Amino acid sequence: MTQTAEIRVSYRYLKEHPWVVQGITGFLSAYYMEYPGFQVKKHFDELETGIHVWICDIPSNMKVLRLLRRLKEDIPPCHYKQLETQAATCPQYLIDSPDTEPE
């Protein structure tokens, strides 16, 4: 059984570190090889916000926060937080610059 989650990267963070999209994409590709059942279903850029989004299928026994902690070791300093969403949507996690306060 899998769950769906969105990993998002803020426009501000991408502007400071333009290569991070390739870095995260490579990390998620390697994660796919390491953990059967994990896969990136879709990757796109929200044109109106500049946010990059990866929609992932994650095995139910896998912790998204563990994935984010490992990812944080491979990219420039950042913080991440789970965004509040409607109950019917999948969990969304935003990676942003460390100088912005997590809510």
Protein backbone atom coordinates (compact mmCIF):
# COMPACT_ATOMS: atom_id res chain seq x y z
CA MET A 1 0.00 0.00 0.00
CA THR A 2 1.31 3.47 -0.85
CA GLN A 3 0.43 7.03 0.06
CA THR A 4 0.95 10.14 -2.03
CA ALA A 5 2.91 13.16 -0.80
CA GLU A 6 4.10 16.39 -2.40
CA ILE A 7 7.58 17.78 -1.90
CA ARG A 8 7.66 21.47 -2.77
CA VAL A 9 10.57 23.90 -3.01
CA SER A 10 9.98 27.64 -2.59
CA TYR A 11 10.80 30.13 -5.30
CA ARG A 12 13.06 32.03 -2.87
CA TYR A 13 15.16 28.91 -2.16
CA LEU A 14 15.38 28.05 -5.87
CA LYS A 15 16.49 31.58 -6.68
CA GLU A 16 19.30 31.34 -4.12
CA HIS A 17 20.36 27.85 -5.30
CA PRO A 18 19.34 27.32 -8.95
CA TRP A 19 20.98 23.86 -9.18
CA VAL A 20 18.86 22.44 -6.34
CA VAL A 21 16.13 21.19 -8.73
CA GLN A 22 18.62 18.84 -10.38
CA GLY A 23 20.00 17.88 -6.95
CA ILE A 24 16.59 16.95 -5.55
CA THR A 25 15.60 15.13 -8.72
CA GLY A 26 18.83 13.09 -8.54
CA PHE A 27 18.31 12.39 -4.84
CA LEU A 28 14.75 11.18 -5.43
CA SER A 29 15.95 8.97 -8.31
CA ALA A 30 18.52 7.37 -6.01
CA TYR A 31 15.89 6.98 -3.28
CA TYR A 32 13.77 5.07 -5.82
CA MET A 33 16.65 2.64 -6.36
CA GLU A 34 17.17 2.24 -2.60
CA TYR A 35 13.53 1.81 -1.53
CA PRO A 36 11.19 -0.36 -3.61
CA GLY A 37 7.71 1.10 -3.72
CA PHE A 38 8.91 4.72 -3.69
CA GLN A 39 8.53 6.59 -6.96
CA VAL A 40 8.15 10.08 -8.34
CA LYS A 41 4.86 10.20 -10.20
CA LYS A 42 5.20 13.75 -11.49
CA HIS A 43 7.55 16.75 -11.35
CA PHE A 44 6.46 20.19 -12.46
CA ASP A 45 6.92 23.92 -11.91
CA GLU A 46 3.89 25.96 -10.80
CA LEU A 47 4.16 28.88 -13.18
CA GLU A 48 2.09 31.27 -11.07
CA THR A 49 4.18 30.74 -7.88
CA GLY A 50 7.56 29.53 -9.18
CA ILE A 51 7.39 26.58 -6.79
CA HIS A 52 8.75 23.23 -7.98
CA VAL A 53 6.67 20.20 -7.01
CA TRP A 54 7.46 16.49 -6.92
CA ILE A 55 4.45 14.22 -6.41
CA CYS A 56 5.65 10.95 -4.92
CA ASP A 57 4.19 7.56 -4.13
CA ILE A 58 5.57 6.52 -0.76
CA PRO A 59 5.17 3.08 0.83
CA SER A 60 2.93 3.30 3.88
CA ASN A 61 5.75 2.10 6.16
CA MET A 62 8.13 4.86 4.97
CA LYS A 63 8.40 8.14 6.88
CA VAL A 64 8.41 11.26 4.70
CA LEU A 65 10.23 13.25 7.39
CA ARG A 66 13.07 10.71 7.29
CA LEU A 67 13.35 11.23 3.53
CA LEU A 68 13.43 15.02 4.06
CA ARG A 69 16.11 14.78 6.78
CA ARG A 70 18.32 12.76 4.42
CA LEU A 71 17.65 15.16 1.55
CA LYS A 72 18.57 18.11 3.77
CA GLU A 73 22.10 16.65 4.08
CA ASP A 74 22.58 16.84 0.28
CA ILE A 75 21.34 20.36 -0.43
CA PRO A 76 22.27 23.86 0.85
CA PRO A 77 21.00 24.87 4.31
CA CYS A 78 17.22 24.92 4.46
CA HIS A 79 14.27 24.12 6.63
CA TYR A 80 11.15 22.18 5.78
CA LYS A 81 7.64 22.10 7.13
CA GLN A 82 4.40 20.31 6.46
CA LEU A 83 1.82 22.65 4.99
CA GLU A 84 -1.73 22.68 6.23
CA THR A 85 -4.01 21.25 3.54
CA GLN A 86 -7.59 20.14 3.21
CA ALA A 87 -8.24 16.64 4.51
CA ALA A 88 -8.95 15.34 1.00
CA THR A 89 -5.54 16.33 -0.39
CA CYS A 90 -2.21 14.61 0.09
CA PRO A 91 0.38 15.89 2.60
CA GLN A 92 2.56 18.71 1.28
CA TYR A 93 6.05 19.52 2.53
CA LEU A 94 7.77 22.81 1.69
CA ILE A 95 11.54 23.24 1.56
CA ASP A 96 12.52 26.88 2.06
CA SER A 97 15.44 29.14 2.96
CA PRO A 98 16.67 28.85 6.55
CA ASP A 99 16.21 32.60 7.16
CA THR A 100 12.42 32.21 6.96
CA GLU A 101 10.78 31.15 10.19
CA PRO A 102 8.94 27.81 10.19
CA GLU A 103 5.35 28.22 11.27
